[in-house]
Protein backbone atom coordinates (compact mmCIF):
# COMPACT_ATOMS: atom_id res chain seq x y z
CA MET A 1 -51.67 -79.61 -23.74
CA SER A 2 -49.51 -76.52 -24.55
CA GLN A 3 -48.60 -74.26 -21.67
CA SER A 4 -50.94 -71.33 -21.35
CA LEU A 5 -49.80 -67.96 -22.52
CA ARG A 6 -49.02 -65.16 -19.93
CA ALA A 7 -48.04 -61.68 -19.99
CA VAL A 8 -44.31 -60.77 -20.05
CA ARG A 9 -42.75 -60.70 -16.68
CA GLY A 10 -42.93 -57.19 -15.34
CA MET A 11 -45.62 -56.14 -17.81
CA ASN A 12 -49.11 -56.16 -16.31
CA ASP A 13 -52.71 -56.26 -17.38
CA ILE A 14 -54.88 -53.52 -15.90
CA PHE A 15 -58.63 -54.21 -15.96
CA LEU A 16 -62.10 -53.67 -14.49
CA ASP A 17 -62.01 -51.56 -11.24
CA ASP A 18 -58.28 -50.84 -11.42
CA ALA A 19 -58.58 -49.70 -15.08
CA GLU A 20 -61.38 -47.41 -14.17
CA ASN A 21 -59.34 -45.95 -11.26
CA TRP A 22 -56.62 -45.34 -13.82
CA GLU A 23 -59.01 -43.55 -16.13
CA GLN A 24 -60.31 -41.26 -13.31
CA PHE A 25 -56.64 -40.65 -12.28
CA GLU A 26 -55.88 -39.74 -15.90
CA ALA A 27 -58.69 -37.27 -16.11
CA LEU A 28 -57.51 -35.59 -12.99
CA ILE A 29 -53.86 -35.31 -14.33
CA ARG A 30 -55.11 -33.90 -17.57
CA ASP A 31 -57.03 -31.19 -15.69
CA TRP A 32 -54.21 -30.36 -13.45
CA LEU A 33 -51.70 -29.91 -16.30
CA LYS A 34 -54.02 -27.84 -18.49
CA SER A 35 -54.46 -25.52 -15.50
CA TYR A 36 -50.92 -24.66 -15.82
CA GLY A 37 -51.04 -24.10 -19.62
CA TYR A 38 -49.46 -27.49 -20.62
CA ARG A 39 -50.65 -29.06 -23.87
CA PRO A 40 -50.43 -32.77 -24.83
CA ILE A 41 -47.93 -34.30 -27.05
CA ARG A 42 -47.88 -37.91 -28.13
CA THR A 43 -44.75 -39.57 -29.43
CA PRO A 44 -44.15 -43.11 -30.82
CA ILE A 45 -43.36 -45.91 -28.53
CA VAL A 46 -40.51 -47.04 -30.75
CA GLU A 47 -37.66 -44.67 -31.58
CA PRO A 48 -34.33 -45.01 -33.32
CA THR A 49 -31.89 -46.53 -30.74
CA PRO A 50 -29.25 -43.57 -31.44
CA LEU A 51 -31.82 -41.06 -30.05
CA PHE A 52 -31.38 -42.42 -26.50
CA LYS A 53 -27.77 -43.16 -26.76
CA ARG A 54 -27.08 -39.48 -27.56
CA ALA A 55 -29.68 -38.11 -25.20
CA ILE A 56 -29.28 -40.36 -22.10
CA GLY A 57 -25.67 -41.07 -22.49
CA GLU A 58 -23.98 -44.44 -23.60
CA VAL A 59 -22.33 -45.13 -20.09
CA THR A 60 -25.59 -45.21 -18.11
CA ASP A 61 -27.40 -48.17 -16.67
CA ILE A 62 -30.44 -47.32 -18.87
CA VAL A 63 -28.51 -47.54 -22.23
CA GLU A 64 -26.05 -50.20 -21.00
CA LYS A 65 -28.45 -52.56 -19.29
CA GLU A 66 -32.15 -51.68 -19.39
CA MET A 67 -33.28 -50.67 -22.90
CA TYR A 68 -35.31 -53.08 -25.12
CA SER A 69 -33.44 -52.68 -28.36
CA PHE A 70 -33.69 -54.69 -31.59
CA GLU A 71 -32.79 -54.56 -35.18
CA ASP A 72 -35.65 -54.16 -37.75
CA ALA A 73 -35.78 -57.27 -39.77
CA LEU A 74 -36.90 -55.39 -42.92
CA ASN A 75 -34.36 -52.58 -43.18
CA GLY A 76 -31.81 -53.17 -40.47
CA GLU A 77 -32.67 -49.97 -38.51
CA HIS A 78 -31.80 -50.19 -34.80
CA LEU A 79 -34.81 -49.46 -32.87
CA THR A 80 -35.66 -49.15 -29.01
CA LEU A 81 -38.89 -49.09 -27.04
CA ARG A 82 -38.66 -45.86 -25.22
CA PRO A 83 -37.27 -46.00 -21.75
CA GLU A 84 -38.16 -42.42 -21.02
CA ASN A 85 -39.88 -39.66 -23.06
CA THR A 86 -37.97 -36.52 -22.80
CA ALA A 87 -35.70 -37.40 -25.58
CA SER A 88 -38.78 -38.35 -27.67
CA CYS A 89 -40.39 -34.93 -26.88
CA VAL A 90 -37.32 -33.04 -28.03
CA ARG A 91 -36.96 -35.06 -31.13
CA ALA A 92 -40.53 -34.22 -31.95
CA VAL A 93 -40.13 -30.52 -31.26
CA MET A 94 -37.05 -30.36 -33.48
CA GLN A 95 -38.51 -32.43 -36.31
CA HIS A 96 -41.66 -30.32 -36.52
CA SER A 97 -40.07 -26.90 -35.64
CA LEU A 98 -42.45 -26.44 -32.83
CA LEU A 99 -40.53 -23.50 -31.19
CA HIS A 100 -40.64 -21.39 -34.19
CA SER A 101 -43.87 -19.85 -32.88
CA GLY A 102 -42.43 -19.31 -29.22
CA PRO A 103 -41.73 -21.38 -26.22
CA LYS A 104 -43.84 -24.37 -25.52
CA ARG A 105 -45.31 -26.12 -22.33
CA LEU A 106 -46.08 -29.83 -23.15
CA TYR A 107 -47.08 -32.88 -21.34
CA TYR A 108 -47.24 -36.46 -22.16
CA TYR A 109 -48.71 -39.70 -20.49
CA GLY A 110 -47.92 -43.06 -21.51
CA PRO A 111 -45.95 -46.42 -21.13
CA MET A 112 -42.04 -46.62 -20.99
CA PHE A 113 -40.01 -49.81 -21.03
CA ARG A 114 -36.92 -50.82 -19.13
CA HIS A 115 -35.48 -54.29 -18.64
CA GLU A 116 -34.77 -54.41 -14.86
CA ARG A 117 -35.82 -56.56 -11.94
CA PRO A 118 -39.61 -56.05 -11.25
CA GLN A 119 -40.44 -55.03 -7.75
CA LYS A 120 -43.15 -53.03 -6.00
CA GLY A 121 -43.56 -49.80 -7.87
CA ARG A 122 -41.07 -50.73 -10.55
CA TYR A 123 -42.12 -52.71 -13.67
CA ARG A 124 -40.57 -53.48 -17.15
CA GLN A 125 -43.59 -51.73 -18.60
CA PHE A 126 -44.35 -48.66 -16.57
CA HIS A 127 -46.23 -45.54 -17.15
CA GLN A 128 -45.09 -41.94 -16.71
CA ILE A 129 -46.69 -38.51 -16.66
CA GLY A 130 -44.22 -35.88 -17.83
CA ALA A 131 -44.15 -32.05 -18.48
CA GLU A 132 -41.62 -30.42 -20.69
CA ALA A 133 -41.15 -26.56 -20.80
CA LEU A 134 -39.06 -25.66 -23.79
CA GLY A 135 -37.78 -22.31 -24.56
CA PHE A 136 -37.86 -20.77 -21.06
CA GLU A 137 -34.59 -19.59 -19.62
CA GLY A 138 -34.99 -18.26 -16.19
CA PRO A 139 -35.18 -20.00 -12.86
CA ASP A 140 -38.97 -19.14 -12.66
CA ILE A 141 -40.03 -22.20 -14.90
CA ASP A 142 -37.83 -24.46 -12.83
CA ALA A 143 -39.72 -23.27 -9.69
CA GLU A 144 -43.12 -23.51 -11.49
CA LEU A 145 -42.62 -27.30 -12.34
CA ILE A 146 -41.76 -27.99 -8.66
CA LEU A 147 -44.89 -25.88 -7.46
CA MET A 148 -46.97 -27.90 -9.92
CA CYS A 149 -46.04 -31.05 -8.15
CA ALA A 150 -46.67 -29.57 -4.85
CA ARG A 151 -50.08 -28.72 -6.12
CA LEU A 152 -50.80 -32.28 -7.31
CA TRP A 153 -49.77 -33.79 -4.11
CA ASP A 154 -52.27 -31.48 -2.32
CA ASP A 155 -54.99 -32.33 -4.86
CA LEU A 156 -54.47 -36.01 -4.34
CA GLY A 157 -54.30 -35.73 -0.62
CA LEU A 158 -50.79 -37.29 -0.30
CA GLN A 159 -48.71 -37.06 2.75
CA GLY A 160 -44.97 -37.35 3.52
CA LEU A 161 -43.55 -36.37 0.14
CA ARG A 162 -40.26 -34.52 0.60
CA LEU A 163 -38.40 -32.28 -1.88
CA GLU A 164 -34.60 -32.72 -2.66
CA LEU A 165 -32.98 -30.09 -4.58
CA ASN A 166 -29.52 -29.63 -6.17
CA SER A 167 -27.75 -27.62 -9.03
CA LEU A 168 -25.51 -29.34 -11.56
CA GLY A 169 -24.18 -25.97 -12.79
CA SER A 170 -22.94 -25.44 -16.38
CA ALA A 171 -21.01 -27.67 -18.70
CA ASP A 172 -17.64 -26.02 -17.77
CA GLU A 173 -18.40 -26.21 -14.06
CA ARG A 174 -19.19 -29.93 -14.42
CA ALA A 175 -16.02 -30.47 -16.34
CA ALA A 176 -13.97 -28.80 -13.57
CA HIS A 177 -15.75 -30.98 -11.03
CA ARG A 178 -15.24 -34.02 -13.18
CA ALA A 179 -11.72 -33.59 -13.29
CA ALA A 180 -11.64 -33.40 -9.56
CA LEU A 181 -13.75 -36.47 -9.07
CA ILE A 182 -11.42 -38.46 -11.30
CA ASP A 183 -8.45 -37.31 -9.32
CA TYR A 184 -10.09 -38.17 -5.98
CA PHE A 185 -11.38 -41.64 -6.97
CA GLU A 186 -7.91 -42.41 -8.53
CA GLN A 187 -6.46 -41.96 -5.33
CA HIS A 188 -8.97 -44.48 -3.78
CA ARG A 189 -9.21 -46.92 -6.75
CA ASP A 190 -8.78 -49.97 -4.37
CA GLN A 191 -12.24 -49.02 -2.80
CA LEU A 192 -14.11 -48.82 -6.12
CA ASP A 193 -16.50 -51.65 -7.14
CA GLU A 194 -16.54 -53.04 -10.62
CA ASP A 195 -19.09 -50.46 -11.93
CA ALA A 196 -17.24 -47.57 -10.42
CA THR A 197 -13.99 -48.59 -11.92
CA ARG A 198 -15.53 -49.04 -15.26
CA ARG A 199 -17.05 -45.59 -15.22
CA LEU A 200 -14.01 -43.74 -13.46
CA HIS A 201 -12.87 -41.97 -16.70
CA SER A 202 -16.15 -42.26 -18.85
CA ASN A 203 -18.70 -40.98 -16.46
CA PRO A 204 -17.46 -40.41 -12.86
CA LEU A 205 -20.53 -38.37 -11.82
CA ARG A 206 -22.54 -41.71 -12.03
CA ILE A 207 -20.35 -43.02 -9.25
CA LEU A 208 -22.10 -40.60 -6.90
CA ASP A 209 -25.30 -42.29 -7.46
CA THR A 210 -24.07 -45.68 -6.44
CA LYS A 211 -26.20 -47.81 -4.36
CA ASN A 212 -23.40 -49.96 -3.05
CA PRO A 213 -23.35 -49.52 0.82
CA ALA A 214 -19.48 -50.28 0.97
CA MET A 215 -18.83 -47.08 -1.14
CA GLN A 216 -21.07 -44.69 0.73
CA ALA A 217 -18.35 -43.20 2.98
CA LEU A 218 -16.01 -42.89 0.13
CA VAL A 219 -18.71 -40.92 -2.03
CA GLU A 220 -19.86 -38.74 0.97
CA ALA A 221 -16.15 -37.49 1.14
CA ALA A 222 -15.82 -36.91 -2.59
CA PRO A 223 -15.58 -33.31 -4.11
CA VAL A 224 -18.99 -31.51 -4.09
CA LEU A 225 -20.19 -29.91 -7.45
CA MET A 226 -21.76 -27.01 -5.58
CA ASP A 227 -18.25 -25.86 -4.72
CA PHE A 228 -17.43 -25.45 -8.40
CA LEU A 229 -20.43 -23.38 -9.31
CA GLY A 230 -19.96 -19.82 -10.57
CA ALA A 231 -21.91 -16.65 -9.92
CA GLU A 232 -24.40 -17.23 -12.80
CA SER A 233 -25.17 -20.74 -11.77
CA LEU A 234 -25.56 -19.80 -8.13
CA ALA A 235 -27.87 -16.92 -8.83
CA HIS A 236 -30.08 -19.29 -11.00
CA PHE A 237 -30.33 -21.64 -8.11
CA ALA A 238 -30.93 -18.91 -5.61
CA GLY A 239 -33.79 -17.74 -7.82
CA VAL A 240 -35.40 -21.16 -7.68
CA GLN A 241 -35.23 -21.25 -4.00
CA ALA A 242 -36.64 -17.82 -3.46
CA VAL A 243 -39.85 -18.80 -5.26
CA LEU A 244 -40.02 -21.92 -3.32
CA LYS A 245 -39.57 -20.03 -0.04
CA ASP A 246 -42.08 -17.49 -1.01
CA ALA A 247 -44.63 -20.31 -1.71
CA GLY A 248 -43.93 -22.15 1.57
CA VAL A 249 -42.59 -25.34 -0.19
CA ALA A 250 -39.95 -26.98 2.13
CA TYR A 251 -36.97 -28.65 0.56
CA ARG A 252 -33.59 -29.98 1.41
CA ILE A 253 -30.48 -29.32 -0.69
CA ASN A 254 -28.87 -32.60 -1.50
CA THR A 255 -25.48 -32.07 -3.03
CA ARG A 256 -25.34 -35.76 -4.20
CA LEU A 257 -28.47 -35.58 -6.19
CA VAL A 258 -27.05 -36.04 -9.80
CA ARG A 259 -30.06 -37.76 -11.50
CA GLY A 260 -29.57 -40.85 -13.73
CA LEU A 261 -29.64 -39.15 -17.10
CA ASP A 262 -26.81 -37.25 -18.68
CA TYR A 263 -28.62 -34.31 -20.24
CA TYR A 264 -29.41 -32.40 -16.82
CA ASN A 265 -27.80 -29.16 -16.01
CA ARG A 266 -28.35 -26.57 -13.29
CA THR A 267 -31.59 -27.28 -11.39
CA VAL A 268 -32.44 -30.89 -10.54
CA PHE A 269 -35.00 -32.20 -8.20
CA GLU A 270 -36.67 -35.16 -6.70
CA TRP A 271 -39.88 -35.85 -4.73
CA VAL A 272 -39.18 -38.78 -2.44
CA THR A 273 -41.20 -40.81 0.20
CA ASP A 274 -40.48 -43.47 2.69
CA GLN A 275 -43.79 -45.24 1.93
CA LEU A 276 -42.62 -47.21 -1.19
CA GLY A 277 -39.79 -49.08 0.37
CA ALA A 278 -36.45 -48.89 -1.47
CA GLN A 279 -38.03 -47.28 -4.70
CA GLY A 280 -38.80 -43.95 -2.95
CA THR A 281 -38.71 -41.41 -5.83
CA VAL A 282 -42.10 -40.49 -7.04
CA CYS A 283 -41.15 -37.68 -9.24
CA ALA A 284 -37.87 -36.39 -10.75
CA GLY A 285 -36.80 -33.72 -13.15
CA GLY A 286 -34.73 -30.63 -13.80
CA ARG A 287 -33.24 -28.36 -16.40
CA TYR A 288 -31.61 -29.73 -19.65
CA ASP A 289 -30.55 -26.77 -21.56
CA GLY A 290 -27.98 -28.63 -23.71
CA LEU A 291 -30.13 -31.49 -25.02
CA VAL A 292 -31.65 -29.91 -27.98
CA GLU A 293 -28.13 -28.93 -29.31
CA GLN A 294 -26.85 -32.36 -28.30
CA LEU A 295 -29.46 -33.85 -30.61
CA GLY A 296 -28.48 -31.54 -33.50
CA GLY A 297 -30.62 -28.50 -33.00
CA LYS A 298 -29.89 -24.96 -31.79
CA SER A 299 -29.06 -24.18 -28.21
CA THR A 300 -32.45 -24.03 -26.50
CA PRO A 301 -33.29 -23.72 -22.66
CA ALA A 302 -35.55 -26.48 -21.42
CA ALA A 303 -36.83 -28.04 -18.11
CA GLY A 304 -39.17 -30.73 -17.07
CA PHE A 305 -40.12 -33.69 -14.97
CA ALA A 306 -41.45 -37.13 -15.05
CA MET A 307 -43.49 -39.13 -12.51
CA GLY A 308 -44.29 -42.82 -12.04
CA VAL A 309 -48.14 -43.41 -12.30
CA GLU A 310 -48.01 -46.89 -10.56
CA ARG A 311 -46.16 -45.29 -7.70
CA LEU A 312 -48.53 -42.49 -7.48
CA LEU A 313 -51.57 -44.71 -7.49
CA SER A 314 -50.10 -46.86 -4.86
CA LEU A 315 -49.68 -43.76 -2.56
CA TRP A 316 -53.10 -42.51 -3.56
CA LEU A 317 -54.63 -45.98 -2.52
CA ALA A 318 -52.65 -45.91 0.76
CA SER A 319 -54.01 -42.53 1.56
CA GLY A 320 -57.56 -43.54 1.03
CA GLY A 321 -57.93 -41.29 -1.94
CA MET A 322 -59.12 -43.77 -4.60
CA PRO A 323 -62.38 -42.62 -6.10
CA ALA A 324 -65.72 -44.66 -5.92
CA GLN A 325 -66.29 -46.90 -8.83
CA GLU A 326 -68.55 -45.57 -11.57
CA ALA A 327 -71.83 -47.22 -11.87
CA PRO A 328 -74.39 -47.06 -14.71
CA ASP A 329 -77.47 -45.01 -14.22
CA VAL A 330 -79.71 -47.75 -15.52
CA TYR A 331 -79.68 -51.56 -15.91
CA VAL A 332 -82.24 -52.78 -18.38
CA VAL A 333 -83.84 -55.96 -17.74
CA HIS A 334 -86.09 -57.66 -20.27
CA GLN A 335 -87.69 -61.06 -20.99
CA GLY A 336 -89.84 -62.22 -23.92
CA GLU A 337 -89.61 -61.87 -27.64
CA ALA A 338 -91.30 -58.54 -27.99
CA ALA A 339 -89.47 -57.35 -24.82
CA ASP A 340 -86.12 -58.27 -26.10
CA ARG A 341 -86.72 -56.38 -29.37
CA PHE A 342 -88.12 -53.34 -27.49
CA ALA A 343 -85.26 -53.22 -24.96
CA PHE A 344 -82.72 -52.11 -27.69
CA PRO A 345 -84.52 -48.75 -28.67
CA VAL A 346 -85.23 -48.06 -25.07
CA ALA A 347 -81.66 -48.25 -23.93
CA GLU A 348 -80.35 -46.36 -27.11
CA GLY A 349 -83.10 -43.61 -26.30
CA LEU A 350 -81.69 -43.21 -22.85
CA ARG A 351 -78.05 -43.26 -24.05
CA ALA A 352 -78.97 -40.44 -26.60
CA HIS A 353 -80.14 -38.28 -23.55
CA GLY A 354 -76.82 -38.82 -21.91
CA PHE A 355 -77.37 -41.59 -19.45
CA ALA A 356 -75.09 -44.61 -18.85
CA VAL A 357 -77.12 -47.63 -19.54
CA VAL A 358 -76.19 -51.47 -19.23
CA LEU A 359 -78.43 -53.57 -21.42
CA HIS A 360 -78.74 -57.15 -20.23
CA CYS A 361 -77.50 -59.67 -22.68
CA GLY A 362 -77.47 -63.33 -22.57
CA GLY A 363 -80.94 -64.27 -21.44
CA GLY A 364 -82.07 -65.61 -18.09
CA SER A 365 -84.95 -65.37 -15.81
CA PHE A 366 -86.19 -62.07 -14.32
CA LYS A 367 -84.70 -63.07 -10.97
CA SER A 368 -81.26 -63.73 -12.33
CA GLN A 369 -81.35 -60.60 -14.40
CA MET A 370 -82.37 -58.52 -11.32
CA LYS A 371 -79.45 -59.95 -9.40
CA LYS A 372 -77.10 -58.66 -12.20
CA ALA A 373 -78.94 -55.25 -11.97
CA ASP A 374 -78.38 -55.09 -8.25
CA GLY A 375 -74.71 -56.10 -8.66
CA SER A 376 -74.11 -53.45 -11.24
CA GLY A 377 -74.46 -50.55 -8.75
CA ALA A 378 -77.05 -48.85 -10.87
CA PRO A 379 -79.60 -46.83 -8.80
CA PHE A 380 -82.49 -47.92 -11.26
CA ALA A 381 -83.38 -50.85 -13.10
CA VAL A 382 -85.62 -50.58 -16.27
CA ILE A 383 -87.90 -53.68 -16.57
CA ILE A 384 -89.49 -54.72 -19.84
CA GLY A 385 -91.85 -57.74 -20.33
CA ASP A 386 -93.92 -58.41 -23.37
CA ASP A 387 -96.77 -56.61 -21.84
CA GLU A 388 -94.77 -53.39 -21.41
CA ALA A 389 -93.43 -53.70 -24.86
CA GLN A 390 -96.83 -54.02 -26.38
CA ALA A 391 -97.99 -50.85 -24.59
CA ALA A 392 -94.68 -48.95 -25.44
CA GLU A 393 -94.05 -48.62 -21.75
CA VAL A 394 -91.42 -49.78 -19.13
CA THR A 395 -91.42 -50.34 -15.36
CA LEU A 396 -88.88 -48.27 -13.51
CA LYS A 397 -87.66 -49.78 -10.23
CA PRO A 398 -85.41 -48.13 -7.68
CA LEU A 399 -82.59 -50.35 -6.52
CA ARG A 400 -80.82 -48.40 -3.77
CA ASP A 401 -83.75 -47.12 -1.70
CA ALA A 402 -87.31 -48.08 -0.75
CA GLY A 403 -88.89 -46.01 -3.35
CA GLU A 404 -91.90 -47.48 -5.34
CA GLN A 405 -91.58 -48.79 -8.84
CA ARG A 406 -93.62 -47.32 -11.44
CA ARG A 407 -94.86 -47.89 -15.03
CA VAL A 408 -93.96 -45.22 -17.38
CA ALA A 409 -94.37 -44.56 -21.13
CA ALA A 410 -91.10 -45.14 -23.04
CA ASP A 411 -91.12 -41.67 -24.40
CA GLN A 412 -91.39 -40.09 -20.99
CA LEU A 413 -88.66 -42.26 -19.31
CA ALA A 414 -85.71 -39.93 -19.90
CA ASP A 415 -87.31 -37.02 -18.26
CA MET A 416 -88.56 -39.07 -15.36
CA LEU A 417 -85.20 -40.68 -14.80
CA ALA A 418 -83.37 -37.27 -15.03
CA ASP A 419 -85.58 -35.91 -12.11
CA LEU A 420 -85.06 -39.00 -10.05
CA LEU A 421 -81.34 -39.11 -10.44
CA LEU A 422 -81.17 -35.42 -9.53
CA ALA A 423 -83.06 -36.22 -6.38
CA VAL A 424 -80.75 -39.04 -5.57
CA ASP A 425 -77.74 -36.60 -5.97
CA ASP A 426 -79.40 -34.07 -3.83
CA ASP A 427 -79.90 -36.64 -1.08
CA ASN A 428 -76.21 -37.72 -1.45
CA GLY A 429 -75.10 -34.11 -1.16
CA SER A 430 -73.72 -33.86 -4.69
CA VAL A 431 -73.09 -30.30 -6.13
């Protein structure tokens, strides 16, 4: 017997209760983003590989080690499953001239792909929510993006998330800092690991993001980018902090926060937690004013963030915030030739009035069907036998309380069910 097929390692099936939790979470997320004026954008999962090499940077872990890239067998084009979506959003904005009518607030939601070691909260197919604000130059949009996240944490009831903040300055300021870093690390070359040595001249800023414990003391003593910032960059950073202070959002300035993507400048931030083990970053973002120009467009200010859905859901579950599972309003039980045929128009009629209805399929005794009805979580069962079908009636039976079952004409069922469900909602304190 051949070996059974399984999902690719690090790419997970999501189904039943978990999938319904995802859908409710997604609905909450859409409402939150729309409340800030963000509109949806959907980009292809597969993009030209050069897009990510130019946007993210060729000397990064993502491009060097983690991208799922392949050559199209038909035309030889080099393609990549998107590892992140900011580059795709910028590509779409440029391709379709979306900024001709003014700045845009956009959001996306979907799967990303990185070939790395799967662990809790980190998978090879993972999902991100992202917001991108293009065409806004001042520090106010940076601060709004951060305040949006704080609002979401409050809406989800999440505790213990901390904000870390830094500024990467302008390109010239980073160039001066880069030269100082190279000079510093050259003087301590014997303490660099293999990755750091390889990146010393191509991308020394990435050395500051090392996870190697043996290099932490060396990194802590390295030149700090903040010391190279000019008046304009410092004023922008102060503007962001002023809004956060006015809003009462606590933060810590982390001068070693550099982010893992090369396109960032000025404001960068991360929301972190101790509740997810080593993978403590829940949301990260910042300003990327040079990316549009880097990809061949005109210089355009931009800022955004991305957050990991799997990590957020894990935190939400830990906080007790998962929603109750949705149950149908009615489960239709039927037995007999006439009843089986009559059950279909009864169920469709209820659906036409907006009710969620599960119609039993597959046969079985009334007893076995009633067990299914009870297990569905529906507050009511509609029972149809041949005698009900011949009289164009049904029996309506409460499943969650001691109420009496009643016989009702099929054409009056929707009105009666609406009144009964309203009473149930009132008893449960719904508004």
